[in-house]
Amino acid sequence: MKVSISSLHFKADVKLEEFIREKVTKVSNLFDGVIGSEVTLKLDQSSNNENKIAEIRIMIPGNDLFAKKQAKSFEEAVDNAVGALKKQITRHKEKVKGL
């Protein structure tokens, strides 16, 4: 599965990219039909310290799963987004099995 990582207005560290690939791959393994995923990292221009935004889109047949989280660090934002995606994948699997 392909994990595409893009960072807007800054260069993401190699360690951060490896961390993201590991987390997204784990959540993608929960569902067999995953086509790919896109991760976008952004810096919010606000003055508060929670200015790191992670957006994760997991592409599956039919529709995509999407989570956007904001936190103090990119790692925390990615963790929170992955947690939300786990819930979405679980609900999607239950919905597919119910049909």
PDB file of N, CA and C in Angstrom:
ATOM      1  N   MET A   1       0.835  -1.177   0.000  1.00  0.00           N
ATOM      2  CA  MET A   1       0.000   0.000   0.000  1.00  0.00           C
ATOM      3  C   MET A   1       0.884   1.246   0.000  1.00  0.00           C
ATOM      4  N   LYS A   2       0.482   2.229  -0.771  1.00  0.00           N
ATOM      5  CA  LYS A   2       1.268   3.449  -0.909  1.00  0.00           C
ATOM      6  C   LYS A   2       0.804   4.491   0.111  1.00  0.00           C
ATOM      7  N   VAL A   3       1.760   5.060   0.825  1.00  0.00           N
ATOM      8  CA  VAL A   3       1.481   6.145   1.760  1.00  0.00           C
ATOM      9  C   VAL A   3       2.138   7.406   1.216  1.00  0.00           C
ATOM     10  N   SER A   4       1.326   8.381   0.843  1.00  0.00           N
ATOM     11  CA  SER A   4       1.822   9.636   0.295  1.00  0.00           C
ATOM     12  C   SER A   4       1.813  10.690   1.401  1.00  0.00           C
ATOM     13  N   ILE A   5       2.982  11.282   1.678  1.00  0.00           N
ATOM     14  CA  ILE A   5       3.091  12.293   2.729  1.00  0.00           C
ATOM     15  C   ILE A   5       3.487  13.624   2.107  1.00  0.00           C
ATOM     16  N   SER A   6       2.700  14.656   2.388  1.00  0.00           N
ATOM     17  CA  SER A   6       3.054  15.989   1.913  1.00  0.00           C
ATOM     18  C   SER A   6       2.987  16.964   3.080  1.00  0.00           C
ATOM     19  N   SER A   7       3.959  17.847   3.130  1.00  0.00           N
ATOM     20  CA  SER A   7       3.997  18.855   4.185  1.00  0.00           C
ATOM     21  C   SER A   7       3.965  20.225   3.521  1.00  0.00           C
ATOM     22  N   LEU A   8       3.044  21.065   3.966  1.00  0.00           N
ATOM     23  CA  LEU A   8       2.854  22.377   3.365  1.00  0.00           C
ATOM     24  C   LEU A   8       3.663  23.435   4.105  1.00  0.00           C
ATOM     25  N   HIS A   9       4.459  24.173   3.369  1.00  0.00           N
ATOM     26  CA  HIS A   9       5.245  25.302   3.862  1.00  0.00           C
ATOM     27  C   HIS A   9       6.381  24.928   4.814  1.00  0.00           C
ATOM     28  N   PHE A  10       6.774  23.662   4.833  1.00  0.00           N
ATOM     29  CA  PHE A  10       7.947  23.247   5.605  1.00  0.00           C
ATOM     30  C   PHE A  10       8.397  21.881   5.110  1.00  0.00           C
ATOM     31  N   LYS A  11       9.585  21.462   5.522  1.00  0.00           N
ATOM     32  CA  LYS A  11      10.136  20.162   5.144  1.00  0.00           C
ATOM     33  C   LYS A  11      10.018  19.228   6.337  1.00  0.00           C
ATOM     34  N   ALA A  12       9.315  18.103   6.147  1.00  0.00           N
ATOM     35  CA  ALA A  12       9.124  17.139   7.236  1.00  0.00           C
ATOM     36  C   ALA A  12      10.407  16.353   7.468  1.00  0.00           C
ATOM     37  N   ASP A  13      10.716  16.081   8.723  1.00  0.00           N
ATOM     38  CA  ASP A  13      11.885  15.312   9.121  1.00  0.00           C
ATOM     39  C   ASP A  13      11.709  13.846   8.716  1.00  0.00           C
ATOM     40  N   VAL A  14      12.801  13.153   8.450  1.00  0.00           N
ATOM     41  CA  VAL A  14      12.754  11.742   8.055  1.00  0.00           C
ATOM     42  C   VAL A  14      12.136  10.893   9.168  1.00  0.00           C
ATOM     43  N   LYS A  15      12.486  11.173  10.427  1.00  0.00           N
ATOM     44  CA  LYS A  15      11.920  10.425  11.557  1.00  0.00           C
ATOM     45  C   LYS A  15      10.410  10.591  11.604  1.00  0.00           C
ATOM     46  N   LEU A  16       9.919  11.803  11.355  1.00  0.00           N
ATOM     47  CA  LEU A  16       8.484  12.065  11.362  1.00  0.00           C
ATOM     48  C   LEU A  16       7.795  11.279  10.245  1.00  0.00           C
ATOM     49  N   GLU A  17       8.396  11.264   9.063  1.00  0.00           N
ATOM     50  CA  GLU A  17       7.815  10.519   7.945  1.00  0.00           C
ATOM     51  C   GLU A  17       7.777   9.026   8.237  1.00  0.00           C
ATOM     52  N   GLU A  18       8.825   8.475   8.848  1.00  0.00           N
ATOM     53  CA  GLU A  18       8.838   7.053   9.213  1.00  0.00           C
ATOM     54  C   GLU A  18       7.752   6.754  10.252  1.00  0.00           C
ATOM     55  N   PHE A  19       7.610   7.639  11.227  1.00  0.00           N
ATOM     56  CA  PHE A  19       6.581   7.490  12.253  1.00  0.00           C
ATOM     57  C   PHE A  19       5.189   7.454  11.606  1.00  0.00           C
ATOM     58  N   ILE A  20       4.948   8.365  10.682  1.00  0.00           N
ATOM     59  CA  ILE A  20       3.644   8.445  10.006  1.00  0.00           C
ATOM     60  C   ILE A  20       3.394   7.183   9.192  1.00  0.00           C
ATOM     61  N   ARG A  21       4.393   6.745   8.417  1.00  0.00           N
ATOM     62  CA  ARG A  21       4.229   5.526   7.604  1.00  0.00           C
ATOM     63  C   ARG A  21       3.890   4.322   8.492  1.00  0.00           C
ATOM     64  N   GLU A  22       4.576   4.202   9.619  1.00  0.00           N
ATOM     65  CA  GLU A  22       4.339   3.081  10.539  1.00  0.00           C
ATOM     66  C   GLU A  22       2.907   3.110  11.069  1.00  0.00           C
ATOM     67  N   LYS A  23       2.453   4.270  11.533  1.00  0.00           N
ATOM     68  CA  LYS A  23       1.103   4.404  12.104  1.00  0.00           C
ATOM     69  C   LYS A  23       0.020   4.150  11.055  1.00  0.00           C
ATOM     70  N   VAL A  24       0.188   4.750   9.875  1.00  0.00           N
ATOM     71  CA  VAL A  24      -0.834   4.619   8.831  1.00  0.00           C
ATOM     72  C   VAL A  24      -0.871   3.190   8.297  1.00  0.00           C
ATOM     73  N   THR A  25       0.274   2.536   8.190  1.00  0.00           N
ATOM     74  CA  THR A  25       0.312   1.158   7.722  1.00  0.00           C
ATOM     75  C   THR A  25      -0.402   0.244   8.711  1.00  0.00           C
ATOM     76  N   LYS A  26      -0.205   0.474  10.007  1.00  0.00           N
ATOM     77  CA  LYS A  26      -0.880  -0.341  11.022  1.00  0.00           C
ATOM     78  C   LYS A  26      -2.391  -0.218  10.911  1.00  0.00           C
ATOM     79  N   VAL A  27      -2.886   0.999  10.775  1.00  0.00           N
ATOM     80  CA  VAL A  27      -4.335   1.189  10.699  1.00  0.00           C
ATOM     81  C   VAL A  27      -4.881   0.658   9.370  1.00  0.00           C
ATOM     82  N   SER A  28      -4.094   0.720   8.320  1.00  0.00           N
ATOM     83  CA  SER A  28      -4.538   0.213   7.014  1.00  0.00           C
ATOM     84  C   SER A  28      -4.633  -1.299   7.007  1.00  0.00           C
ATOM     85  N   ASN A  29      -3.827  -1.958   7.826  1.00  0.00           N
ATOM     86  CA  ASN A  29      -3.856  -3.421   7.891  1.00  0.00           C
ATOM     87  C   ASN A  29      -5.132  -3.945   8.547  1.00  0.00           C
ATOM     88  N   LEU A  30      -5.906  -3.063   9.185  1.00  0.00           N
ATOM     89  CA  LEU A  30      -7.156  -3.485   9.805  1.00  0.00           C
ATOM     90  C   LEU A  30      -8.227  -3.815   8.774  1.00  0.00           C
ATOM     91  N   PHE A  31      -8.059  -3.304   7.553  1.00  0.00           N
ATOM     92  CA  PHE A  31      -9.051  -3.513   6.494  1.00  0.00           C
ATOM     93  C   PHE A  31      -8.326  -3.918   5.225  1.00  0.00           C
ATOM     94  N   ASP A  32      -8.789  -5.012   4.592  1.00  0.00           N
ATOM     95  CA  ASP A  32      -8.095  -5.564   3.432  1.00  0.00           C
ATOM     96  C   ASP A  32      -8.214  -4.725   2.169  1.00  0.00           C
ATOM     97  N   GLY A  33      -9.280  -3.961   2.013  1.00  0.00           N
ATOM     98  CA  GLY A  33      -9.548  -3.270   0.760  1.00  0.00           C
ATOM     99  C   GLY A  33      -8.898  -1.908   0.616  1.00  0.00           C
ATOM    100  N   VAL A  34      -7.888  -1.595   1.407  1.00  0.00           N
ATOM    101  CA  VAL A  34      -7.268  -0.266   1.342  1.00  0.00           C
ATOM    102  C   VAL A  34      -6.459  -0.136   0.060  1.00  0.00           C
ATOM    103  N   ILE A  35      -6.741   0.923  -0.704  1.00  0.00           N
ATOM    104  CA  ILE A  35      -6.044   1.182  -1.963  1.00  0.00           C
ATOM    105  C   ILE A  35      -4.776   1.989  -1.705  1.00  0.00           C
ATOM    106  N   GLY A  36      -4.866   3.002  -0.873  1.00  0.00           N
ATOM    107  CA  GLY A  36      -3.725   3.861  -0.576  1.00  0.00           C
ATOM    108  C   GLY A  36      -4.109   4.880   0.479  1.00  0.00           C
ATOM    109  N   SER A  37      -3.157   5.728   0.817  1.00  0.00           N
ATOM    110  CA  SER A  37      -3.449   6.763   1.812  1.00  0.00           C
ATOM    111  C   SER A  37      -2.642   8.014   1.528  1.00  0.00           C
ATOM    112  N   GLU A  38      -3.199   9.136   1.939  1.00  0.00           N
ATOM    113  CA  GLU A  38      -2.538  10.427   1.792  1.00  0.00           C
ATOM    114  C   GLU A  38      -2.502  11.112   3.151  1.00  0.00           C
ATOM    115  N   VAL A  39      -1.336  11.639   3.501  1.00  0.00           N
ATOM    116  CA  VAL A  39      -1.178  12.368   4.759  1.00  0.00           C
ATOM    117  C   VAL A  39      -0.712  13.777   4.417  1.00  0.00           C
ATOM    118  N   THR A  40      -1.395  14.775   4.947  1.00  0.00           N
ATOM    119  CA  THR A  40      -1.007  16.165   4.739  1.00  0.00           C
ATOM    120  C   THR A  40      -0.711  16.795   6.095  1.00  0.00           C
ATOM    121  N   LEU A  41       0.463  17.391   6.210  1.00  0.00           N
ATOM    122  CA  LEU A  41       0.862  18.074   7.439  1.00  0.00           C
ATOM    123  C   LEU A  41       0.853  19.573   7.177  1.00  0.00           C
ATOM    124  N   LYS A  42       0.253  20.330   8.101  1.00  0.00           N
ATOM    125  CA  LYS A  42       0.159  21.781   7.948  1.00  0.00           C
ATOM    126  C   LYS A  42       0.538  22.465   9.249  1.00  0.00           C
ATOM    127  N   LEU A  43       1.019  23.681   9.119  1.00  0.00           N
ATOM    128  CA  LEU A  43       1.249  24.537  10.282  1.00  0.00           C
ATOM    129  C   LEU A  43       0.184  25.622  10.280  1.00  0.00           C
ATOM    130  N   ASP A  44      -0.594  25.694  11.349  1.00  0.00           N
ATOM    131  CA  ASP A  44      -1.615  26.717  11.487  1.00  0.00           C
ATOM    132  C   ASP A  44      -0.930  28.029  11.862  1.00  0.00           C
ATOM    133  N   GLN A  45      -1.413  29.127  11.343  1.00  0.00           N
ATOM    134  CA  GLN A  45      -0.780  30.422  11.596  1.00  0.00           C
ATOM    135  C   GLN A  45      -1.253  31.079  12.890  1.00  0.00           C
ATOM    136  N   SER A  46      -2.030  30.365  13.698  1.00  0.00           N
ATOM    137  CA  SER A  46      -2.536  30.952  14.939  1.00  0.00           C
ATOM    138  C   SER A  46      -1.416  31.081  15.967  1.00  0.00           C
ATOM    139  N   SER A  47      -1.664  31.872  16.980  1.00  0.00           N
ATOM    140  CA  SER A  47      -0.629  32.140  17.979  1.00  0.00           C
ATOM    141  C   SER A  47      -0.581  31.099  19.093  1.00  0.00           C
ATOM    142  N   ASN A  48      -1.591  30.225  19.187  1.00  0.00           N
ATOM    143  CA  ASN A  48      -1.555  29.227  20.261  1.00  0.00           C
ATOM    144  C   ASN A  48      -0.561  28.121  19.927  1.00  0.00           C
ATOM    145  N   ASN A  49      -0.203  27.313  20.934  1.00  0.00           N
ATOM    146  CA  ASN A  49       0.834  26.314  20.724  1.00  0.00           C
ATOM    147  C   ASN A  49       0.321  25.042  20.051  1.00  0.00           C
ATOM    148  N   GLU A  50      -0.988  24.879  19.929  1.00  0.00           N
ATOM    149  CA  GLU A  50      -1.538  23.729  19.212  1.00  0.00           C
ATOM    150  C   GLU A  50      -1.748  24.118  17.753  1.00  0.00           C
ATOM    151  N   ASN A  51      -0.635  24.270  17.029  1.00  0.00           N
ATOM    152  CA  ASN A  51      -0.734  24.757  15.658  1.00  0.00           C
ATOM    153  C   ASN A  51      -0.298  23.731  14.611  1.00  0.00           C
ATOM    154  N   LYS A  52      -0.161  22.464  14.999  1.00  0.00           N
ATOM    155  CA  LYS A  52       0.223  21.413  14.051  1.00  0.00           C
ATOM    156  C   LYS A  52      -1.036  20.648  13.641  1.00  0.00           C
ATOM    157  N   ILE A  53      -1.254  20.532  12.330  1.00  0.00           N
ATOM    158  CA  ILE A  53      -2.456  19.867  11.814  1.00  0.00           C
ATOM    159  C   ILE A  53      -2.044  18.674  10.966  1.00  0.00           C
ATOM    160  N   ALA A  54      -2.684  17.532  11.226  1.00  0.00           N
ATOM    161  CA  ALA A  54      -2.465  16.330  10.417  1.00  0.00           C
ATOM    162  C   ALA A  54      -3.798  15.913   9.801  1.00  0.00           C
ATOM    163  N   GLU A  55      -3.794  15.741   8.488  1.00  0.00           N
ATOM    164  CA  GLU A  55      -4.977  15.263   7.771  1.00  0.00           C
ATOM    165  C   GLU A  55      -4.608  13.931   7.138  1.00  0.00           C
ATOM    166  N   ILE A  56      -5.408  12.899   7.388  1.00  0.00           N
ATOM    167  CA  ILE A  56      -5.130  11.572   6.832  1.00  0.00           C
ATOM    168  C   ILE A  56      -6.361  11.104   6.068  1.00  0.00           C
ATOM    169  N   ARG A  57      -6.151  10.710   4.812  1.00  0.00           N
ATOM    170  CA  ARG A  57      -7.215  10.152   3.978  1.00  0.00           C
ATOM    171  C   ARG A  57      -6.816   8.732   3.598  1.00  0.00           C
ATOM    172  N   ILE A  58      -7.686   7.779   3.934  1.00  0.00           N
ATOM    173  CA  ILE A  58      -7.451   6.386   3.563  1.00  0.00           C
ATOM    174  C   ILE A  58      -8.454   6.040   2.468  1.00  0.00           C
ATOM    175  N   MET A  59      -7.931   5.633   1.322  1.00  0.00           N
ATOM    176  CA  MET A  59      -8.780   5.340   0.172  1.00  0.00           C
ATOM    177  C   MET A  59      -9.177   3.868   0.175  1.00  0.00           C
ATOM    178  N   ILE A  60     -10.489   3.650   0.189  1.00  0.00           N
ATOM    179  CA  ILE A  60     -11.039   2.296   0.120  1.00  0.00           C
ATOM    180  C   ILE A  60     -12.088   2.291  -0.988  1.00  0.00           C
ATOM    181  N   PRO A  61     -12.410   1.118  -1.530  1.00  0.00           N
ATOM    182  CA  PRO A  61     -13.417   1.073  -2.597  1.00  0.00           C
ATOM    183  C   PRO A  61     -14.754   1.644  -2.119  1.00  0.00           C
ATOM    184  N   GLY A  62     -15.342   2.481  -2.930  1.00  0.00           N
ATOM    185  CA  GLY A  62     -16.631   3.081  -2.595  1.00  0.00           C
ATOM    186  C   GLY A  62     -16.497   4.504  -2.085  1.00  0.00           C
ATOM    187  N   ASN A  63     -15.768   4.697  -1.013  1.00  0.00           N
ATOM    188  CA  ASN A  63     -15.572   6.037  -0.458  1.00  0.00           C
ATOM    189  C   ASN A  63     -14.303   6.065   0.380  1.00  0.00           C
ATOM    190  N   ASP A  64     -13.866   7.257   0.707  1.00  0.00           N
ATOM    191  CA  ASP A  64     -12.631   7.426   1.475  1.00  0.00           C
ATOM    192  C   ASP A  64     -12.961   7.709   2.938  1.00  0.00           C
ATOM    193  N   LEU A  65     -12.029   7.316   3.807  1.00  0.00           N
ATOM    194  CA  LEU A  65     -12.123   7.654   5.223  1.00  0.00           C
ATOM    195  C   LEU A  65     -11.170   8.818   5.469  1.00  0.00           C
ATOM    196  N   PHE A  66     -11.602   9.799   6.259  1.00  0.00           N
ATOM    197  CA  PHE A  66     -10.814  11.006   6.440  1.00  0.00           C
ATOM    198  C   PHE A  66     -10.833  11.433   7.899  1.00  0.00           C
ATOM    199  N   ALA A  67      -9.670  11.870   8.388  1.00  0.00           N
ATOM    200  CA  ALA A  67      -9.583  12.429   9.743  1.00  0.00           C
ATOM    201  C   ALA A  67      -8.627  13.611   9.724  1.00  0.00           C
ATOM    202  N   LYS A  68      -9.006  14.662  10.446  1.00  0.00           N
ATOM    203  CA  LYS A  68      -8.163  15.860  10.558  1.00  0.00           C
ATOM    204  C   LYS A  68      -8.074  16.206  12.029  1.00  0.00           C
ATOM    205  N   LYS A  69      -6.853  16.268  12.551  1.00  0.00           N
ATOM    206  CA  LYS A  69      -6.656  16.576  13.967  1.00  0.00           C
ATOM    207  C   LYS A  69      -5.591  17.649  14.126  1.00  0.00           C
ATOM    208  N   GLN A  70      -5.728  18.433  15.193  1.00  0.00           N
ATOM    209  CA  GLN A  70      -4.793  19.508  15.506  1.00  0.00           C
ATOM    210  C   GLN A  70      -4.259  19.292  16.914  1.00  0.00           C
ATOM    211  N   ALA A  71      -2.927  19.452  17.080  1.00  0.00           N
ATOM    212  CA  ALA A  71      -2.308  19.215  18.392  1.00  0.00           C
ATOM    213  C   ALA A  71      -1.024  20.036  18.520  1.00  0.00           C
ATOM    214  N   LYS A  72      -0.333  19.825  19.656  1.00  0.00           N
ATOM    215  CA  LYS A  72       0.924  20.535  19.922  1.00  0.00           C
ATOM    216  C   LYS A  72       2.075  20.017  19.062  1.00  0.00           C
ATOM    217  N   SER A  73       2.032  18.727  18.712  1.00  0.00           N
ATOM    218  CA  SER A  73       3.088  18.145  17.874  1.00  0.00           C
ATOM    219  C   SER A  73       2.443  17.340  16.749  1.00  0.00           C
ATOM    220  N   PHE A  74       3.195  17.132  15.682  1.00  0.00           N
ATOM    221  CA  PHE A  74       2.676  16.356  14.563  1.00  0.00           C
ATOM    222  C   PHE A  74       2.445  14.907  14.975  1.00  0.00           C
ATOM    223  N   GLU A  75       3.309  14.378  15.841  1.00  0.00           N
ATOM    224  CA  GLU A  75       3.141  12.999  16.299  1.00  0.00           C
ATOM    225  C   GLU A  75       1.808  12.830  17.027  1.00  0.00           C
ATOM    226  N   GLU A  76       1.493  13.777  17.906  1.00  0.00           N
ATOM    227  CA  GLU A  76       0.240  13.712  18.646  1.00  0.00           C
ATOM    228  C   GLU A  76      -0.960  13.860  17.703  1.00  0.00           C
ATOM    229  N   ALA A  77      -0.861  14.770  16.741  1.00  0.00           N
ATOM    230  CA  ALA A  77      -1.953  14.968  15.780  1.00  0.00           C
ATOM    231  C   ALA A  77      -2.171  13.712  14.943  1.00  0.00           C
ATOM    232  N   VAL A  78      -1.071  13.066  14.514  1.00  0.00           N
ATOM    233  CA  VAL A  78      -1.174  11.835  13.726  1.00  0.00           C
ATOM    234  C   VAL A  78      -1.786  10.722  14.573  1.00  0.00           C
ATOM    235  N   ASP A  79      -1.340  10.597  15.827  1.00  0.00           N
ATOM    236  CA  ASP A  79      -1.911   9.587  16.739  1.00  0.00           C
ATOM    237  C   ASP A  79      -3.418   9.767  16.883  1.00  0.00           C
ATOM    238  N   ASN A  80      -3.854  11.001  17.098  1.00  0.00           N
ATOM    239  CA  ASN A  80      -5.272  11.279  17.263  1.00  0.00           C
ATOM    240  C   ASN A  80      -6.056  10.969  15.987  1.00  0.00           C
ATOM    241  N   ALA A  81      -5.498  11.333  14.835  1.00  0.00           N
ATOM    242  CA  ALA A  81      -6.167  11.070  13.564  1.00  0.00           C
ATOM    243  C   ALA A  81      -6.251   9.566  13.293  1.00  0.00           C
ATOM    244  N   VAL A  82      -5.184   8.834  13.615  1.00  0.00           N
ATOM    245  CA  VAL A  82      -5.186   7.378  13.426  1.00  0.00           C
ATOM    246  C   VAL A  82      -6.234   6.737  14.331  1.00  0.00           C
ATOM    247  N   GLY A  83      -6.367   7.230  15.553  1.00  0.00           N
ATOM    248  CA  GLY A  83      -7.398   6.717  16.455  1.00  0.00           C
ATOM    249  C   GLY A  83      -8.792   6.922  15.884  1.00  0.00           C
ATOM    250  N   ALA A  84      -9.034   8.087  15.304  1.00  0.00           N
ATOM    251  CA  ALA A  84     -10.335   8.360  14.689  1.00  0.00           C
ATOM    252  C   ALA A  84     -10.567   7.455  13.487  1.00  0.00           C
ATOM    253  N   LEU A  85      -9.503   7.205  12.711  1.00  0.00           N
ATOM    254  CA  LEU A  85      -9.632   6.338  11.534  1.00  0.00           C
ATOM    255  C   LEU A  85      -9.892   4.888  11.928  1.00  0.00           C
ATOM    256  N   LYS A  86      -9.311   4.448  13.046  1.00  0.00           N
ATOM    257  CA  LYS A  86      -9.577   3.082  13.519  1.00  0.00           C
ATOM    258  C   LYS A  86     -11.062   2.901  13.780  1.00  0.00           C
ATOM    259  N   LYS A  87     -11.685   3.899  14.418  1.00  0.00           N
ATOM    260  CA  LYS A  87     -13.116   3.837  14.688  1.00  0.00           C
ATOM    261  C   LYS A  87     -13.904   3.805  13.377  1.00  0.00           C
ATOM    262  N   GLN A  88     -13.496   4.626  12.402  1.00  0.00           N
ATOM    263  CA  GLN A  88     -14.194   4.665  11.122  1.00  0.00           C
ATOM    264  C   GLN A  88     -14.074   3.337  10.382  1.00  0.00           C
ATOM    265  N   ILE A  89     -12.888   2.728  10.420  1.00  0.00           N
ATOM    266  CA  ILE A  89     -12.685   1.442   9.750  1.00  0.00           C
ATOM    267  C   ILE A  89     -13.544   0.365  10.414  1.00  0.00           C
ATOM    268  N   THR A  90     -13.596   0.368  11.742  1.00  0.00           N
ATOM    269  CA  THR A  90     -14.414  -0.607  12.459  1.00  0.00           C
ATOM    270  C   THR A  90     -15.885  -0.464  12.063  1.00  0.00           C
ATOM    271  N   ARG A  91     -16.377   0.776  12.020  1.00  0.00           N
ATOM    272  CA  ARG A  91     -17.768   1.010  11.622  1.00  0.00           C
ATOM    273  C   ARG A  91     -18.000   0.584  10.174  1.00  0.00           C
ATOM    274  N   HIS A  92     -17.040   0.870   9.291  1.00  0.00           N
ATOM    275  CA  HIS A  92     -17.169   0.497   7.882  1.00  0.00           C
ATOM    276  C   HIS A  92     -17.217  -1.014   7.717  1.00  0.00           C
ATOM    277  N   LYS A  93     -16.355  -1.730   8.454  1.00  0.00           N
ATOM    278  CA  LYS A  93     -16.345  -3.192   8.370  1.00  0.00           C
ATOM    279  C   LYS A  93     -17.668  -3.762   8.859  1.00  0.00           C
ATOM    280  N   GLU A  94     -18.217  -3.216   9.934  1.00  0.00           N
ATOM    281  CA  GLU A  94     -19.499  -3.686  10.456  1.00  0.00           C
ATOM    282  C   GLU A  94     -20.613  -3.418   9.441  1.00  0.00           C
ATOM    283  N   LYS A  95     -20.551  -2.286   8.795  1.00  0.00           N
ATOM    284  CA  LYS A  95     -21.558  -1.928   7.794  1.00  0.00           C
ATOM    285  C   LYS A  95     -21.492  -2.876   6.598  1.00  0.00           C
ATOM    286  N   VAL A  96     -20.280  -3.193   6.153  1.00  0.00           N
ATOM    287  CA  VAL A  96     -20.105  -4.108   5.014  1.00  0.00           C
ATOM    288  C   VAL A  96     -20.588  -5.510   5.373  1.00  0.00           C
ATOM    289  N   LYS A  97     -20.274  -5.970   6.578  1.00  0.00           N
ATOM    290  CA  LYS A  97     -20.695  -7.305   7.007  1.00  0.00           C
ATOM    291  C   LYS A  97     -22.211  -7.375   7.178  1.00  0.00           C
ATOM    292  N   GLY A  98     -22.824  -6.262   7.543  1.00  0.00           N
ATOM    293  CA  GLY A  98     -24.263  -6.218   7.754  1.00  0.00           C
ATOM    294  C   GLY A  98     -25.082  -6.321   6.478  1.00  0.00           C
ATOM    295  N   LEU A  99     -24.441  -6.026   5.333  1.00  0.00           N
ATOM    296  CA  LEU A  99     -25.174  -6.055   4.057  1.00  0.00           C
ATOM    297  C   LEU A  99     -25.395  -7.427   3.539  1.00  0.00           C
TER     298      LEU A  99
END
